[in-house]
N, C-alpha and C. Protein backbone atom coordinates (compact mmCIF):
# COMPACT_ATOMS: atom_id res chain seq x y z
N MET A 1 0.82 -1.19 0.00
CA MET A 1 0.00 0.00 0.00
C MET A 1 0.86 1.25 0.00
N ARG A 2 1.88 1.24 0.85
CA ARG A 2 2.75 2.39 0.96
C ARG A 2 3.55 2.59 -0.34
N SER A 3 4.02 1.53 -0.97
CA SER A 3 4.79 1.68 -2.21
C SER A 3 3.90 2.16 -3.36
N ARG A 4 2.63 1.73 -3.32
CA ARG A 4 1.69 2.18 -4.35
C ARG A 4 1.44 3.68 -4.20
N LEU A 5 1.28 4.17 -2.98
CA LEU A 5 1.08 5.59 -2.72
C LEU A 5 2.31 6.38 -3.14
N ALA A 6 3.50 5.86 -2.85
CA ALA A 6 4.74 6.52 -3.23
C ALA A 6 4.86 6.59 -4.76
N THR A 7 4.44 5.55 -5.43
CA THR A 7 4.50 5.53 -6.90
C THR A 7 3.54 6.57 -7.48
N VAL A 8 2.33 6.67 -6.93
CA VAL A 8 1.36 7.65 -7.41
C VAL A 8 1.88 9.07 -7.18
N ILE A 9 2.44 9.32 -6.01
CA ILE A 9 2.98 10.65 -5.71
C ILE A 9 4.12 10.97 -6.66
N LEU A 10 5.00 10.01 -6.91
CA LEU A 10 6.12 10.23 -7.83
C LEU A 10 5.61 10.55 -9.24
N LEU A 11 4.59 9.83 -9.69
CA LEU A 11 4.04 10.09 -11.02
C LEU A 11 3.40 11.47 -11.10
N VAL A 12 2.70 11.87 -10.07
CA VAL A 12 2.08 13.19 -10.05
C VAL A 12 3.14 14.28 -10.07
N VAL A 13 4.21 14.09 -9.28
CA VAL A 13 5.29 15.07 -9.24
C VAL A 13 5.98 15.18 -10.61
N LEU A 14 6.16 14.06 -11.29
CA LEU A 14 6.79 14.08 -12.61
C LEU A 14 5.86 14.65 -13.68
N ALA A 15 4.56 14.41 -13.56
CA ALA A 15 3.61 14.88 -14.56
C ALA A 15 3.24 16.35 -14.38
N LEU A 16 3.34 16.87 -13.18
CA LEU A 16 2.94 18.24 -12.90
C LEU A 16 3.66 19.28 -13.76
N PRO A 17 4.99 19.22 -13.93
CA PRO A 17 5.64 20.23 -14.78
C PRO A 17 5.16 20.17 -16.24
N ALA A 18 4.83 18.98 -16.72
CA ALA A 18 4.37 18.85 -18.10
C ALA A 18 3.02 19.52 -18.30
N ALA A 19 2.23 19.60 -17.25
CA ALA A 19 0.91 20.22 -17.34
C ALA A 19 0.98 21.74 -17.25
N CYS A 20 2.11 22.27 -16.87
CA CYS A 20 2.27 23.71 -16.66
C CYS A 20 3.09 24.33 -17.78
N VAL A 21 2.53 24.38 -18.97
CA VAL A 21 3.22 24.95 -20.11
C VAL A 21 2.49 26.22 -20.52
N THR A 22 3.22 27.31 -20.65
CA THR A 22 2.65 28.57 -21.09
C THR A 22 3.37 28.98 -22.36
N ILE A 23 2.61 29.32 -23.38
CA ILE A 23 3.20 29.79 -24.62
C ILE A 23 2.76 31.23 -24.81
N ASN A 24 3.71 32.13 -24.81
CA ASN A 24 3.42 33.54 -25.05
C ASN A 24 3.62 33.84 -26.52
N VAL A 25 2.65 34.48 -27.13
CA VAL A 25 2.77 34.87 -28.53
C VAL A 25 2.88 36.39 -28.54
N TYR A 26 4.03 36.87 -28.97
CA TYR A 26 4.28 38.30 -29.00
C TYR A 26 4.07 38.83 -30.41
N PHE A 27 3.74 40.10 -30.50
CA PHE A 27 3.54 40.74 -31.79
C PHE A 27 4.85 40.72 -32.58
N PRO A 28 4.85 40.14 -33.77
CA PRO A 28 6.07 40.04 -34.58
C PRO A 28 6.36 41.35 -35.30
N GLU A 29 6.97 42.29 -34.61
CA GLU A 29 7.20 43.64 -35.13
C GLU A 29 7.97 43.64 -36.45
N ALA A 30 9.06 42.87 -36.53
CA ALA A 30 9.88 42.87 -37.74
C ALA A 30 9.08 42.35 -38.94
N ALA A 31 8.34 41.29 -38.74
CA ALA A 31 7.52 40.74 -39.83
C ALA A 31 6.42 41.72 -40.22
N ALA A 32 5.85 42.41 -39.24
CA ALA A 32 4.81 43.39 -39.53
C ALA A 32 5.37 44.55 -40.33
N GLN A 33 6.57 45.01 -39.99
CA GLN A 33 7.19 46.10 -40.74
C GLN A 33 7.45 45.70 -42.18
N LYS A 34 7.93 44.48 -42.37
CA LYS A 34 8.20 44.01 -43.73
C LYS A 34 6.91 43.92 -44.55
N ALA A 35 5.85 43.35 -43.94
CA ALA A 35 4.57 43.22 -44.63
C ALA A 35 3.98 44.60 -44.93
N ALA A 36 4.06 45.51 -43.96
CA ALA A 36 3.53 46.87 -44.16
C ALA A 36 4.30 47.58 -45.26
N SER A 37 5.60 47.43 -45.28
CA SER A 37 6.44 48.06 -46.29
C SER A 37 6.04 47.61 -47.70
N GLN A 38 5.85 46.32 -47.86
CA GLN A 38 5.47 45.79 -49.17
C GLN A 38 4.07 46.26 -49.56
N PHE A 39 3.16 46.27 -48.61
CA PHE A 39 1.78 46.72 -48.87
C PHE A 39 1.77 48.18 -49.29
N VAL A 40 2.46 49.01 -48.52
CA VAL A 40 2.50 50.45 -48.78
C VAL A 40 3.16 50.73 -50.13
N ASP A 41 4.26 50.05 -50.42
CA ASP A 41 4.93 50.24 -51.71
C ASP A 41 3.99 49.94 -52.87
N LYS A 42 3.20 48.89 -52.73
CA LYS A 42 2.27 48.53 -53.81
C LYS A 42 1.18 49.59 -53.96
N VAL A 43 0.64 50.08 -52.85
CA VAL A 43 -0.42 51.09 -52.93
C VAL A 43 0.12 52.39 -53.53
N LEU A 44 1.31 52.79 -53.10
CA LEU A 44 1.89 54.04 -53.60
C LEU A 44 2.45 53.90 -55.01
N GLY A 45 2.50 52.67 -55.51
CA GLY A 45 3.00 52.45 -56.87
C GLY A 45 4.51 52.49 -56.96
N ASP A 46 5.18 52.27 -55.84
CA ASP A 46 6.64 52.28 -55.83
C ASP A 46 7.17 50.87 -55.92
N SER A 47 8.28 50.74 -56.57
CA SER A 47 8.94 49.45 -56.60
C SER A 47 9.62 49.25 -55.26
N PRO A 48 9.43 48.09 -54.66
CA PRO A 48 10.10 47.86 -53.39
C PRO A 48 11.61 47.87 -53.58
N ALA A 49 12.29 48.36 -52.56
CA ALA A 49 13.75 48.36 -52.60
C ALA A 49 14.26 46.93 -52.63
N PRO A 50 15.35 46.69 -53.36
CA PRO A 50 15.87 45.33 -53.41
C PRO A 50 16.23 44.87 -52.00
N ALA A 51 15.86 43.64 -51.73
CA ALA A 51 16.12 43.10 -50.39
C ALA A 51 17.61 42.89 -50.18
N ALA A 52 18.07 43.36 -49.06
CA ALA A 52 19.47 43.15 -48.72
C ALA A 52 19.64 41.69 -48.30
N ASN A 53 20.80 41.16 -48.57
CA ASN A 53 21.06 39.79 -48.15
C ASN A 53 21.08 39.75 -46.64
N GLU A 54 20.14 38.99 -46.09
CA GLU A 54 20.07 38.88 -44.65
C GLU A 54 21.12 37.90 -44.17
N PRO A 55 21.82 38.25 -43.08
CA PRO A 55 22.81 37.31 -42.58
C PRO A 55 22.11 36.07 -42.04
N PRO A 56 22.77 34.92 -42.15
CA PRO A 56 22.14 33.71 -41.64
C PRO A 56 21.97 33.81 -40.13
N SER A 57 20.89 33.21 -39.66
CA SER A 57 20.65 33.26 -38.22
C SER A 57 21.69 32.41 -37.50
N PRO A 58 22.10 32.86 -36.32
CA PRO A 58 23.12 32.11 -35.59
C PRO A 58 22.57 30.77 -35.14
N PRO A 59 23.44 29.78 -34.95
CA PRO A 59 22.96 28.48 -34.50
C PRO A 59 22.40 28.60 -33.09
N PRO A 60 21.43 27.75 -32.75
CA PRO A 60 20.87 27.83 -31.41
C PRO A 60 21.92 27.50 -30.36
N PRO A 61 21.85 28.13 -29.19
CA PRO A 61 22.85 27.87 -28.17
C PRO A 61 22.74 26.44 -27.65
N GLN A 62 23.86 25.90 -27.22
CA GLN A 62 23.89 24.55 -26.67
C GLN A 62 23.18 24.54 -25.33
N GLN A 63 22.43 23.48 -25.09
CA GLN A 63 21.73 23.34 -23.82
C GLN A 63 22.65 22.70 -22.79
N PRO A 64 22.51 23.11 -21.55
CA PRO A 64 23.24 22.41 -20.50
C PRO A 64 22.69 20.99 -20.37
N PRO A 65 23.49 20.07 -19.88
CA PRO A 65 23.03 18.67 -19.79
C PRO A 65 21.74 18.51 -18.99
N ALA A 66 21.56 19.30 -17.93
CA ALA A 66 20.34 19.17 -17.13
C ALA A 66 19.11 19.55 -17.95
N ALA A 67 19.22 20.57 -18.80
CA ALA A 67 18.10 20.98 -19.64
C ALA A 67 17.79 19.91 -20.68
N ALA A 68 18.82 19.31 -21.24
CA ALA A 68 18.61 18.23 -22.21
C ALA A 68 17.90 17.05 -21.56
N LEU A 69 18.27 16.74 -20.32
CA LEU A 69 17.62 15.67 -19.59
C LEU A 69 16.15 16.02 -19.33
N LEU A 70 15.90 17.27 -18.97
CA LEU A 70 14.53 17.71 -18.73
C LEU A 70 13.70 17.63 -20.00
N ASP A 71 14.30 17.89 -21.17
CA ASP A 71 13.58 17.77 -22.45
C ASP A 71 13.13 16.35 -22.72
N LEU A 72 13.83 15.38 -22.16
CA LEU A 72 13.40 14.00 -22.32
C LEU A 72 12.11 13.73 -21.56
N VAL A 73 11.96 14.40 -20.41
CA VAL A 73 10.78 14.20 -19.57
C VAL A 73 9.63 15.10 -20.00
N ILE A 74 9.94 16.38 -20.32
CA ILE A 74 8.93 17.36 -20.67
C ILE A 74 9.19 17.83 -22.10
N ALA A 75 8.21 17.64 -22.94
CA ALA A 75 8.38 18.04 -24.34
C ALA A 75 8.44 19.56 -24.46
N SER A 76 9.27 20.04 -25.36
CA SER A 76 9.38 21.48 -25.60
C SER A 76 8.22 21.93 -26.47
N ALA A 77 7.77 23.15 -26.26
CA ALA A 77 6.71 23.74 -27.07
C ALA A 77 7.26 24.99 -27.72
N TYR A 78 6.98 25.17 -28.99
CA TYR A 78 7.47 26.33 -29.73
C TYR A 78 6.29 27.05 -30.35
N ALA A 79 6.34 28.38 -30.28
CA ALA A 79 5.30 29.18 -30.93
C ALA A 79 5.54 29.16 -32.43
N GLN A 80 4.48 29.43 -33.18
CA GLN A 80 4.58 29.50 -34.63
C GLN A 80 5.55 30.60 -35.03
N GLY A 81 6.26 30.39 -36.11
CA GLY A 81 7.22 31.39 -36.58
C GLY A 81 6.55 32.73 -36.82
N ALA A 82 7.34 33.79 -36.66
CA ALA A 82 6.81 35.15 -36.81
C ALA A 82 6.55 35.44 -38.28
N ASP A 83 5.29 35.67 -38.60
CA ASP A 83 4.90 35.99 -39.97
C ASP A 83 3.60 36.77 -39.90
N ILE A 84 3.45 37.70 -40.77
CA ILE A 84 2.22 38.47 -40.85
C ILE A 84 1.61 38.21 -42.22
N THR A 85 0.41 37.68 -42.23
CA THR A 85 -0.28 37.37 -43.47
C THR A 85 -1.04 38.59 -43.95
N VAL A 86 -0.78 39.00 -45.20
CA VAL A 86 -1.53 40.09 -45.81
C VAL A 86 -2.05 39.67 -47.18
N GLN A 87 -2.15 38.36 -47.40
CA GLN A 87 -2.54 37.86 -48.71
C GLN A 87 -3.86 37.10 -48.66
N THR A 88 -4.88 37.68 -48.07
CA THR A 88 -6.21 37.08 -48.13
C THR A 88 -6.99 37.79 -49.24
N PRO A 89 -8.04 37.16 -49.75
CA PRO A 89 -8.83 37.83 -50.80
C PRO A 89 -9.38 39.19 -50.35
N GLN A 90 -9.82 39.29 -49.09
CA GLN A 90 -10.36 40.56 -48.60
C GLN A 90 -9.28 41.64 -48.58
N ILE A 91 -8.11 41.30 -48.07
CA ILE A 91 -7.03 42.27 -47.97
C ILE A 91 -6.56 42.68 -49.36
N GLN A 92 -6.45 41.74 -50.27
CA GLN A 92 -6.01 42.06 -51.63
C GLN A 92 -7.02 42.95 -52.35
N ALA A 93 -8.32 42.73 -52.10
CA ALA A 93 -9.35 43.58 -52.71
C ALA A 93 -9.24 45.01 -52.18
N ILE A 94 -9.03 45.14 -50.88
CA ILE A 94 -8.87 46.48 -50.28
C ILE A 94 -7.63 47.14 -50.86
N GLN A 95 -6.54 46.39 -50.95
CA GLN A 95 -5.28 46.95 -51.47
C GLN A 95 -5.45 47.42 -52.91
N ALA A 96 -6.17 46.67 -53.72
CA ALA A 96 -6.40 47.06 -55.11
C ALA A 96 -7.20 48.36 -55.19
N ARG A 97 -8.22 48.49 -54.34
CA ARG A 97 -9.01 49.75 -54.32
C ARG A 97 -8.13 50.92 -53.89
N MET A 98 -7.32 50.70 -52.88
CA MET A 98 -6.45 51.77 -52.39
C MET A 98 -5.44 52.18 -53.45
N GLN A 99 -4.89 51.21 -54.14
CA GLN A 99 -3.90 51.49 -55.19
C GLN A 99 -4.53 52.31 -56.31
N GLU A 100 -5.72 51.91 -56.75
CA GLU A 100 -6.41 52.63 -57.82
C GLU A 100 -6.76 54.05 -57.38
N ARG A 101 -7.28 54.18 -56.17
CA ARG A 101 -7.68 55.50 -55.65
C ARG A 101 -6.47 56.41 -55.51
N PHE A 102 -5.36 55.84 -55.03
CA PHE A 102 -4.18 56.66 -54.82
C PHE A 102 -3.65 57.19 -56.15
N SER A 103 -3.54 56.30 -57.13
CA SER A 103 -2.97 56.75 -58.42
C SER A 103 -3.91 57.67 -59.18
N SER A 104 -5.21 57.47 -59.07
CA SER A 104 -6.14 58.27 -59.88
C SER A 104 -6.61 59.55 -59.20
N VAL A 105 -6.69 59.59 -57.86
CA VAL A 105 -7.26 60.76 -57.20
C VAL A 105 -6.31 61.39 -56.19
N LEU A 106 -5.73 60.59 -55.32
CA LEU A 106 -5.02 61.15 -54.16
C LEU A 106 -3.61 61.66 -54.46
N ARG A 107 -2.86 60.97 -55.29
CA ARG A 107 -1.45 61.34 -55.50
C ARG A 107 -1.25 62.82 -55.87
N PRO A 108 -2.02 63.36 -56.81
CA PRO A 108 -1.79 64.77 -57.16
C PRO A 108 -1.98 65.71 -55.97
N HIS A 109 -2.85 65.34 -55.06
CA HIS A 109 -3.12 66.20 -53.91
C HIS A 109 -2.09 66.01 -52.79
N PHE A 110 -1.44 64.86 -52.77
CA PHE A 110 -0.26 64.72 -51.90
C PHE A 110 0.87 65.57 -52.47
N ASP A 111 1.02 65.52 -53.81
CA ASP A 111 2.08 66.30 -54.46
C ASP A 111 1.89 67.80 -54.24
N SER A 112 0.65 68.26 -54.21
CA SER A 112 0.39 69.70 -54.03
C SER A 112 0.46 70.13 -52.57
N GLY A 113 0.47 69.16 -51.67
CA GLY A 113 0.50 69.49 -50.24
C GLY A 113 -0.87 69.61 -49.62
N ALA A 114 -1.92 69.34 -50.38
CA ALA A 114 -3.28 69.45 -49.84
C ALA A 114 -3.59 68.31 -48.88
N LEU A 115 -3.02 67.13 -49.13
CA LEU A 115 -3.27 65.96 -48.29
C LEU A 115 -2.00 65.57 -47.56
N GLY A 116 -2.18 64.83 -46.46
CA GLY A 116 -1.04 64.34 -45.72
C GLY A 116 -1.39 63.07 -44.97
N PHE A 117 -0.35 62.36 -44.54
CA PHE A 117 -0.53 61.15 -43.74
C PHE A 117 -0.62 61.55 -42.27
N THR A 118 -1.64 61.05 -41.59
CA THR A 118 -1.76 61.34 -40.17
C THR A 118 -0.87 60.39 -39.37
N ARG A 119 -0.63 60.74 -38.14
CA ARG A 119 0.25 59.91 -37.30
C ARG A 119 -0.39 58.59 -36.92
N ASP A 120 -1.71 58.45 -37.15
CA ASP A 120 -2.38 57.19 -36.81
C ASP A 120 -2.74 56.35 -38.03
N GLY A 121 -2.03 56.57 -39.14
CA GLY A 121 -2.18 55.70 -40.30
C GLY A 121 -3.33 56.03 -41.22
N LEU A 122 -3.85 57.24 -41.17
CA LEU A 122 -4.94 57.64 -42.05
C LEU A 122 -4.47 58.76 -42.98
N VAL A 123 -5.39 59.29 -43.78
CA VAL A 123 -5.12 60.40 -44.68
C VAL A 123 -6.02 61.56 -44.24
N ALA A 124 -5.49 62.76 -44.30
CA ALA A 124 -6.29 63.94 -43.93
C ALA A 124 -6.10 65.04 -44.96
N VAL A 125 -7.15 65.86 -45.10
CA VAL A 125 -7.04 67.08 -45.91
C VAL A 125 -6.30 68.08 -45.03
N ARG A 126 -5.11 68.43 -45.45
CA ARG A 126 -4.26 69.34 -44.68
C ARG A 126 -4.52 70.79 -45.06
N ASP A 127 -4.76 71.02 -46.36
CA ASP A 127 -4.96 72.37 -46.86
C ASP A 127 -6.04 72.34 -47.94
N ALA A 128 -7.28 72.55 -47.52
CA ALA A 128 -8.40 72.49 -48.47
C ALA A 128 -8.28 73.56 -49.55
N ALA A 129 -7.65 74.70 -49.24
CA ALA A 129 -7.51 75.77 -50.22
C ALA A 129 -6.63 75.35 -51.40
N ALA A 130 -5.80 74.32 -51.21
CA ALA A 130 -4.93 73.84 -52.30
C ALA A 130 -5.69 72.94 -53.28
N ILE A 131 -6.95 72.67 -52.99
CA ILE A 131 -7.78 71.82 -53.86
C ILE A 131 -8.78 72.73 -54.56
N ALA A 132 -8.82 72.64 -55.87
CA ALA A 132 -9.77 73.47 -56.64
C ALA A 132 -11.19 73.20 -56.15
N LEU A 133 -11.96 74.24 -56.04
CA LEU A 133 -13.32 74.15 -55.50
C LEU A 133 -14.16 73.05 -56.17
N PRO A 134 -14.12 72.93 -57.50
CA PRO A 134 -14.95 71.88 -58.13
C PRO A 134 -14.51 70.46 -57.76
N GLN A 135 -13.26 70.30 -57.30
CA GLN A 135 -12.74 68.97 -56.96
C GLN A 135 -12.88 68.62 -55.48
N ARG A 136 -13.19 69.57 -54.64
CA ARG A 136 -13.17 69.35 -53.18
C ARG A 136 -14.08 68.22 -52.72
N ALA A 137 -15.30 68.19 -53.23
CA ALA A 137 -16.23 67.15 -52.81
C ALA A 137 -15.70 65.77 -53.18
N ALA A 138 -15.17 65.65 -54.40
CA ALA A 138 -14.64 64.35 -54.84
C ALA A 138 -13.42 63.94 -54.03
N VAL A 139 -12.55 64.90 -53.72
CA VAL A 139 -11.35 64.60 -52.93
C VAL A 139 -11.75 64.22 -51.50
N ASN A 140 -12.69 64.95 -50.92
CA ASN A 140 -13.16 64.61 -49.57
C ASN A 140 -13.77 63.21 -49.54
N ALA A 141 -14.53 62.86 -50.57
CA ALA A 141 -15.12 61.52 -50.65
C ALA A 141 -14.03 60.46 -50.80
N ALA A 142 -13.02 60.75 -51.61
CA ALA A 142 -11.91 59.80 -51.79
C ALA A 142 -11.14 59.61 -50.49
N VAL A 143 -10.93 60.69 -49.75
CA VAL A 143 -10.24 60.60 -48.45
C VAL A 143 -11.07 59.76 -47.49
N ALA A 144 -12.37 59.97 -47.45
CA ALA A 144 -13.24 59.18 -46.57
C ALA A 144 -13.21 57.70 -46.96
N ASP A 145 -13.26 57.41 -48.27
CA ASP A 145 -13.18 56.03 -48.73
C ASP A 145 -11.83 55.42 -48.37
N GLU A 146 -10.77 56.19 -48.55
CA GLU A 146 -9.42 55.71 -48.24
C GLU A 146 -9.31 55.36 -46.76
N ASN A 147 -9.83 56.23 -45.91
CA ASN A 147 -9.73 55.98 -44.47
C ASN A 147 -10.58 54.78 -44.04
N ARG A 148 -11.74 54.58 -44.67
CA ARG A 148 -12.53 53.39 -44.38
C ARG A 148 -11.76 52.13 -44.76
N ASP A 149 -11.10 52.17 -45.93
CA ASP A 149 -10.31 51.02 -46.37
C ASP A 149 -9.10 50.80 -45.46
N ARG A 150 -8.47 51.86 -45.01
CA ARG A 150 -7.33 51.71 -44.11
C ARG A 150 -7.77 51.07 -42.79
N GLU A 151 -8.86 51.55 -42.23
CA GLU A 151 -9.38 50.96 -40.99
C GLU A 151 -9.67 49.48 -41.22
N ALA A 152 -10.29 49.16 -42.35
CA ALA A 152 -10.63 47.78 -42.67
C ALA A 152 -9.39 46.92 -42.85
N VAL A 153 -8.38 47.44 -43.52
CA VAL A 153 -7.20 46.62 -43.78
C VAL A 153 -6.44 46.34 -42.48
N TYR A 154 -6.35 47.29 -41.58
CA TYR A 154 -5.67 47.04 -40.30
C TYR A 154 -6.41 45.96 -39.52
N ARG A 155 -7.74 46.04 -39.52
CA ARG A 155 -8.56 45.05 -38.83
C ARG A 155 -8.45 43.68 -39.51
N GLU A 156 -8.51 43.66 -40.84
CA GLU A 156 -8.45 42.38 -41.57
C GLU A 156 -7.09 41.69 -41.41
N ILE A 157 -6.03 42.45 -41.39
CA ILE A 157 -4.70 41.84 -41.19
C ILE A 157 -4.62 41.21 -39.81
N ALA A 158 -5.14 41.90 -38.80
CA ALA A 158 -5.14 41.34 -37.45
C ALA A 158 -5.96 40.05 -37.42
N LEU A 159 -7.14 40.07 -38.02
CA LEU A 159 -8.00 38.89 -38.03
C LEU A 159 -7.38 37.75 -38.84
N ALA A 160 -6.77 38.08 -39.98
CA ALA A 160 -6.15 37.05 -40.82
C ALA A 160 -5.01 36.34 -40.09
N ASN A 161 -4.43 37.01 -39.12
CA ASN A 161 -3.33 36.42 -38.36
C ASN A 161 -3.80 35.85 -37.02
N GLY A 162 -5.12 35.80 -36.83
CA GLY A 162 -5.67 35.18 -35.64
C GLY A 162 -5.49 35.97 -34.36
N HIS A 163 -5.24 37.28 -34.49
CA HIS A 163 -5.03 38.12 -33.31
C HIS A 163 -5.73 39.46 -33.50
N ALA A 164 -7.02 39.49 -33.24
CA ALA A 164 -7.76 40.75 -33.36
C ALA A 164 -7.15 41.81 -32.45
N ASP A 165 -6.50 41.38 -31.36
CA ASP A 165 -5.89 42.32 -30.41
C ASP A 165 -4.65 43.01 -30.98
N TRP A 166 -4.16 42.58 -32.13
CA TRP A 166 -2.99 43.20 -32.75
C TRP A 166 -3.36 44.40 -33.62
N ALA A 167 -4.63 44.69 -33.80
CA ALA A 167 -5.06 45.75 -34.73
C ALA A 167 -4.38 47.08 -34.44
N GLY A 168 -4.28 47.46 -33.19
CA GLY A 168 -3.63 48.72 -32.83
C GLY A 168 -2.16 48.74 -33.18
N GLN A 169 -1.47 47.63 -32.94
CA GLN A 169 -0.05 47.54 -33.27
C GLN A 169 0.16 47.52 -34.79
N ILE A 170 -0.73 46.87 -35.50
CA ILE A 170 -0.64 46.85 -36.96
C ILE A 170 -0.86 48.25 -37.50
N ARG A 171 -1.83 48.96 -36.97
CA ARG A 171 -2.09 50.34 -37.39
C ARG A 171 -0.86 51.20 -37.15
N ALA A 172 -0.24 51.08 -35.98
CA ALA A 172 0.95 51.88 -35.66
C ALA A 172 2.11 51.54 -36.60
N THR A 173 2.27 50.28 -36.92
CA THR A 173 3.33 49.86 -37.83
C THR A 173 3.08 50.41 -39.22
N PHE A 174 1.85 50.35 -39.69
CA PHE A 174 1.51 50.90 -41.00
C PHE A 174 1.66 52.41 -41.01
N ALA A 175 1.25 53.07 -39.94
CA ALA A 175 1.38 54.54 -39.88
C ALA A 175 2.84 54.93 -40.07
N GLN A 176 3.73 54.21 -39.43
CA GLN A 176 5.16 54.48 -39.57
C GLN A 176 5.63 54.26 -41.01
N GLN A 177 5.13 53.20 -41.64
CA GLN A 177 5.54 52.91 -43.02
C GLN A 177 5.00 53.93 -44.01
N TRP A 178 3.75 54.40 -43.83
CA TRP A 178 3.21 55.43 -44.73
C TRP A 178 4.10 56.66 -44.67
N ILE A 179 4.51 57.04 -43.47
CA ILE A 179 5.33 58.24 -43.30
C ILE A 179 6.74 58.02 -43.86
N GLU A 180 7.32 56.87 -43.58
CA GLU A 180 8.67 56.58 -44.09
C GLU A 180 8.69 56.55 -45.62
N ARG A 181 7.62 56.08 -46.23
CA ARG A 181 7.56 55.94 -47.69
C ARG A 181 7.09 57.22 -48.39
N ALA A 182 6.71 58.23 -47.62
CA ALA A 182 6.25 59.48 -48.22
C ALA A 182 7.35 60.08 -49.08
N LYS A 183 6.97 60.67 -50.19
CA LYS A 183 7.92 61.30 -51.10
C LYS A 183 8.35 62.66 -50.54
N ALA A 184 9.49 63.13 -51.01
CA ALA A 184 9.94 64.47 -50.64
C ALA A 184 8.87 65.47 -51.05
N GLY A 185 8.53 66.38 -50.14
CA GLY A 185 7.51 67.38 -50.41
C GLY A 185 6.13 67.01 -49.88
N TRP A 186 5.90 65.73 -49.56
CA TRP A 186 4.62 65.32 -49.00
C TRP A 186 4.58 65.67 -47.51
N TYR A 187 3.38 65.80 -46.98
CA TYR A 187 3.19 66.15 -45.58
C TYR A 187 2.79 64.93 -44.75
N TYR A 188 3.17 64.99 -43.49
CA TYR A 188 2.81 63.96 -42.52
C TYR A 188 2.72 64.62 -41.15
N GLN A 189 2.01 63.96 -40.25
CA GLN A 189 1.92 64.46 -38.88
C GLN A 189 3.00 63.82 -38.03
N ASP A 190 3.65 64.65 -37.21
CA ASP A 190 4.64 64.11 -36.27
C ASP A 190 3.91 63.58 -35.03
N SER A 191 4.66 63.15 -34.04
CA SER A 191 4.06 62.56 -32.84
C SER A 191 3.21 63.55 -32.05
N ASN A 192 3.37 64.85 -32.31
CA ASN A 192 2.56 65.88 -31.65
C ASN A 192 1.40 66.35 -32.52
N SER A 193 1.14 65.62 -33.62
CA SER A 193 0.07 65.94 -34.58
C SER A 193 0.31 67.25 -35.32
N LEU A 194 1.56 67.69 -35.41
CA LEU A 194 1.91 68.89 -36.18
C LEU A 194 2.33 68.44 -37.58
N TRP A 195 1.91 69.20 -38.58
CA TRP A 195 2.24 68.85 -39.95
C TRP A 195 3.70 69.17 -40.23
N GLN A 196 4.38 68.22 -40.85
CA GLN A 196 5.78 68.36 -41.26
C GLN A 196 5.87 68.05 -42.74
N ARG A 197 6.77 68.73 -43.41
CA ARG A 197 6.99 68.43 -44.84
C ARG A 197 8.24 67.57 -44.95
N LYS A 198 8.13 66.52 -45.69
CA LYS A 198 9.25 65.59 -45.83
C LYS A 198 10.23 66.13 -46.84
C-alpha cells in the first residue's frame, strides 16, 4: 500500500511540470514592418527596394546537460514562426481599391500638399484651399473612402493572423511605413500631430 502511494505521488510530481506549459505569442514587429512596407509600396505604386542579403541566423545555443535531460521528460513547445499574413482575398481587394484610388485621385493632392498622412495611419485634408473648389467634394469623398479602407485593412490583417488584439499595433506599424515611404515634399503628422513636410 505504501509503495503504491509513493508511486502515485512520484508520477504526479513528474507529470505536474508537463501540465504547466505557457506559450506567449508576441507581436512580430519585424515581420509586420516588412509586410507593411510591401503593402504600402504597392499602394503608392513604388517598386520595393531590393532586399538586402540577410545574414544567416546564428545556430541555437547549446543546452546544459540538465536541460537536455529535462527535455526527455517534458516536451518542448514552440510558438509559430513570426509571420504576418496580408494575402487574403479581402485584404487584396482592399489593397487594389487603395492602389487605384491613390494613383487616380489622391497622388496629385499629396504632391500639391493638400493631403497628408496622419500619425495614426490615415489620410487627412491638410490644406483644403490647395484643392480646386470643383474637386473638393470628390477629394473629400476619396479621403473618406481611403480611411474606411485603411481601418478595414488594419482590422483584416489582425484577423487574418488570428489576433484581433494586434489591430492597434498593426495600425501603428503601417502609420510608420506610410510616413517613411512618403515622397519628398509630401506632408505627414509628427508625434505631436503637427504637420511636417518631408
